Amino acid sequence: MSHLDTPAVRTPHEVLTCYYQAMLDKSPDGLADLYAIDAVHEFPFTSPGFPACFEGREAVRAGYRAVWGASPAKVQEVRRIAAHETADPEVIIAEHVVVGTLPPKATTFTVPGLLILHVRNGLITRVRDYMDGSGVASARA
């Protein structure tokens, strides 16, 4: 068992690494297990048919199970642009670009995004997930 497996010792940077790995694995359980029971995951820039937020760990699990399960998209890479520490040691701001493919033609897409993660005791308590809604829509089209 590595230190990343123990929530109490995960730093916001380590949680971010695990978050990106869950995206690559398309693992709703891997993602949800990073969250506190009462965490909130907000989507300030939603795309049509996407919720404004998930409230609670199990809502994150169910929401991502439904979204990722319904999508044929495969994330190939999460390019880390930057991770910014803030005056609050429990908050990290991360810029990234998700690169993936869509079958059947393996069409490549890129979607830039920004995450604001609040991490307490090794678990996410709040996420503000700013993803490029037009990029998501273009990838679906």
Protein backbone atom coordinates (compact mmCIF):
# COMPACT_ATOMS: atom_id res chain seq x y z
CA MET A 1 0.00 0.00 0.00
CA SER A 2 1.49 3.36 -1.03
CA HIS A 3 1.03 6.60 0.86
CA LEU A 4 -1.38 7.74 -1.90
CA ASP A 5 -3.77 4.99 -0.76
CA THR A 6 -4.15 6.56 2.68
CA PRO A 7 -6.44 9.62 2.54
CA ALA A 8 -5.20 11.12 5.81
CA VAL A 9 -1.75 11.72 4.34
CA ARG A 10 -2.68 12.80 0.81
CA THR A 11 -1.79 16.39 0.02
CA PRO A 12 -3.88 18.40 -2.44
CA HIS A 13 -1.19 17.69 -5.10
CA GLU A 14 -1.44 13.95 -4.42
CA VAL A 15 -5.24 14.06 -4.56
CA LEU A 16 -4.96 15.86 -7.90
CA THR A 17 -2.69 13.07 -9.21
CA CYS A 18 -5.24 10.45 -8.10
CA TYR A 19 -8.08 12.51 -9.62
CA TYR A 20 -6.35 12.59 -13.01
CA GLN A 21 -5.64 8.84 -12.79
CA ALA A 22 -9.33 8.14 -12.17
CA MET A 23 -10.12 10.18 -15.31
CA LEU A 24 -7.61 8.15 -17.32
CA ASP A 25 -9.03 4.91 -15.93
CA LYS A 26 -12.60 6.17 -16.46
CA SER A 27 -13.21 4.90 -12.92
CA PRO A 28 -16.20 6.40 -11.09
CA ASP A 29 -15.25 4.42 -7.98
CA GLY A 30 -11.65 5.61 -8.10
CA LEU A 31 -12.86 9.18 -8.41
CA ALA A 32 -15.63 9.00 -5.79
CA ASP A 33 -13.32 7.40 -3.25
CA LEU A 34 -11.29 10.64 -3.27
CA TYR A 35 -14.30 12.55 -1.87
CA ALA A 36 -15.53 13.18 1.65
CA ILE A 37 -19.01 11.77 2.30
CA ASP A 38 -20.64 15.23 2.13
CA ALA A 39 -18.46 16.73 -0.63
CA VAL A 40 -19.89 18.90 -3.38
CA HIS A 41 -18.72 18.78 -7.01
CA GLU A 42 -19.90 21.85 -8.94
CA PHE A 43 -19.94 22.47 -12.69
CA PRO A 44 -20.23 26.26 -13.10
CA PHE A 45 -20.14 25.98 -16.92
CA THR A 46 -22.43 23.06 -17.67
CA SER A 47 -23.24 21.68 -21.07
CA PRO A 48 -26.76 20.63 -22.11
CA GLY A 49 -27.96 17.55 -20.27
CA PHE A 50 -25.25 17.81 -17.60
CA PRO A 51 -26.10 18.57 -13.95
CA ALA A 52 -24.97 21.74 -12.18
CA CYS A 53 -23.52 19.72 -9.29
CA PHE A 54 -23.24 16.41 -7.50
CA GLU A 55 -23.89 16.57 -3.76
CA GLY A 56 -22.16 13.87 -1.73
CA ARG A 57 -19.66 11.11 -2.50
CA GLU A 58 -22.32 8.67 -3.66
CA ALA A 59 -23.83 11.26 -6.02
CA VAL A 60 -20.34 11.73 -7.52
CA ARG A 61 -20.04 7.96 -7.90
CA ALA A 62 -23.49 7.57 -9.48
CA GLY A 63 -23.14 10.67 -11.64
CA TYR A 64 -19.79 9.71 -13.10
CA ARG A 65 -20.87 6.09 -13.49
CA ALA A 66 -23.79 7.33 -15.62
CA VAL A 67 -21.82 9.94 -17.58
CA TRP A 68 -18.71 7.87 -18.23
CA GLY A 69 -20.76 4.71 -18.77
CA ALA A 70 -22.85 6.41 -21.46
CA SER A 71 -19.88 7.91 -23.27
CA PRO A 72 -17.73 5.98 -25.73
CA ALA A 73 -14.98 8.60 -25.28
CA LYS A 74 -11.62 7.35 -24.02
CA VAL A 75 -9.27 9.74 -22.25
CA GLN A 76 -5.78 9.18 -23.63
CA GLU A 77 -3.97 11.87 -21.66
CA VAL A 78 -4.50 14.60 -19.12
CA ARG A 79 -1.95 17.30 -19.89
CA ARG A 80 -1.13 19.23 -16.76
CA ILE A 81 -0.66 22.86 -17.66
CA ALA A 82 -0.16 24.14 -14.12
CA ALA A 83 -1.04 23.50 -10.50
CA HIS A 84 -1.28 26.62 -8.37
CA GLU A 85 -1.02 26.59 -4.62
CA THR A 86 -3.11 29.20 -2.83
CA ALA A 87 -2.90 31.03 0.48
CA ASP A 88 -5.16 28.28 1.80
CA PRO A 89 -3.10 25.05 2.12
CA GLU A 90 -6.27 23.00 1.54
CA VAL A 91 -6.92 24.52 -1.91
CA ILE A 92 -5.18 23.83 -5.20
CA ILE A 93 -6.07 25.23 -8.62
CA ALA A 94 -5.18 23.02 -11.57
CA GLU A 95 -5.19 23.82 -15.27
CA HIS A 96 -5.27 20.91 -17.70
CA VAL A 97 -6.20 19.74 -21.17
CA VAL A 98 -7.94 16.40 -21.62
CA VAL A 99 -6.99 14.60 -24.83
CA GLY A 100 -9.10 11.67 -25.91
CA THR A 101 -10.57 9.69 -28.74
CA LEU A 102 -14.08 8.83 -29.85
CA PRO A 103 -14.86 5.60 -31.68
CA PRO A 104 -15.57 4.35 -34.24
CA LYS A 105 -13.11 6.52 -36.20
CA ALA A 106 -10.86 7.25 -33.22
CA THR A 107 -11.54 10.96 -33.68
CA THR A 108 -9.24 12.94 -31.40
CA PHE A 109 -10.62 15.67 -29.16
CA THR A 110 -9.15 18.12 -26.68
CA VAL A 111 -11.04 19.80 -23.85
CA PRO A 112 -9.33 22.42 -21.68
CA GLY A 113 -10.37 22.69 -18.06
CA LEU A 114 -9.68 24.15 -14.67
CA LEU A 115 -10.27 22.53 -11.29
CA ILE A 116 -10.42 24.18 -7.92
CA LEU A 117 -10.00 21.40 -5.37
CA HIS A 118 -10.62 21.81 -1.65
CA VAL A 119 -8.94 18.97 0.24
CA ARG A 120 -9.25 18.35 3.97
CA ASN A 121 -7.71 15.37 5.74
CA GLY A 122 -6.76 13.86 2.39
CA LEU A 123 -10.30 13.94 0.93
CA ILE A 124 -11.98 16.32 -1.50
CA THR A 125 -14.61 18.46 0.22
CA ARG A 126 -15.45 20.67 -2.75
CA VAL A 127 -14.61 20.86 -6.45
CA ARG A 128 -15.40 23.62 -8.87
CA ASP A 129 -14.94 21.96 -12.26
CA TYR A 130 -14.67 24.43 -15.14
CA MET A 131 -14.60 22.47 -18.37
CA ASP A 132 -14.96 23.86 -21.86
CA GLY A 133 -18.61 23.10 -22.60
CA SER A 134 -18.21 23.89 -26.29
CA GLY A 135 -15.23 21.52 -26.44
CA VAL A 136 -17.33 18.80 -24.83
CA ALA A 137 -20.19 19.46 -27.27
CA SER A 138 -17.79 19.43 -30.25
CA ALA A 139 -16.32 16.15 -29.07
CA ARG A 140 -19.81 14.64 -28.89
CA ALA A 141 -20.74 15.91 -32.37
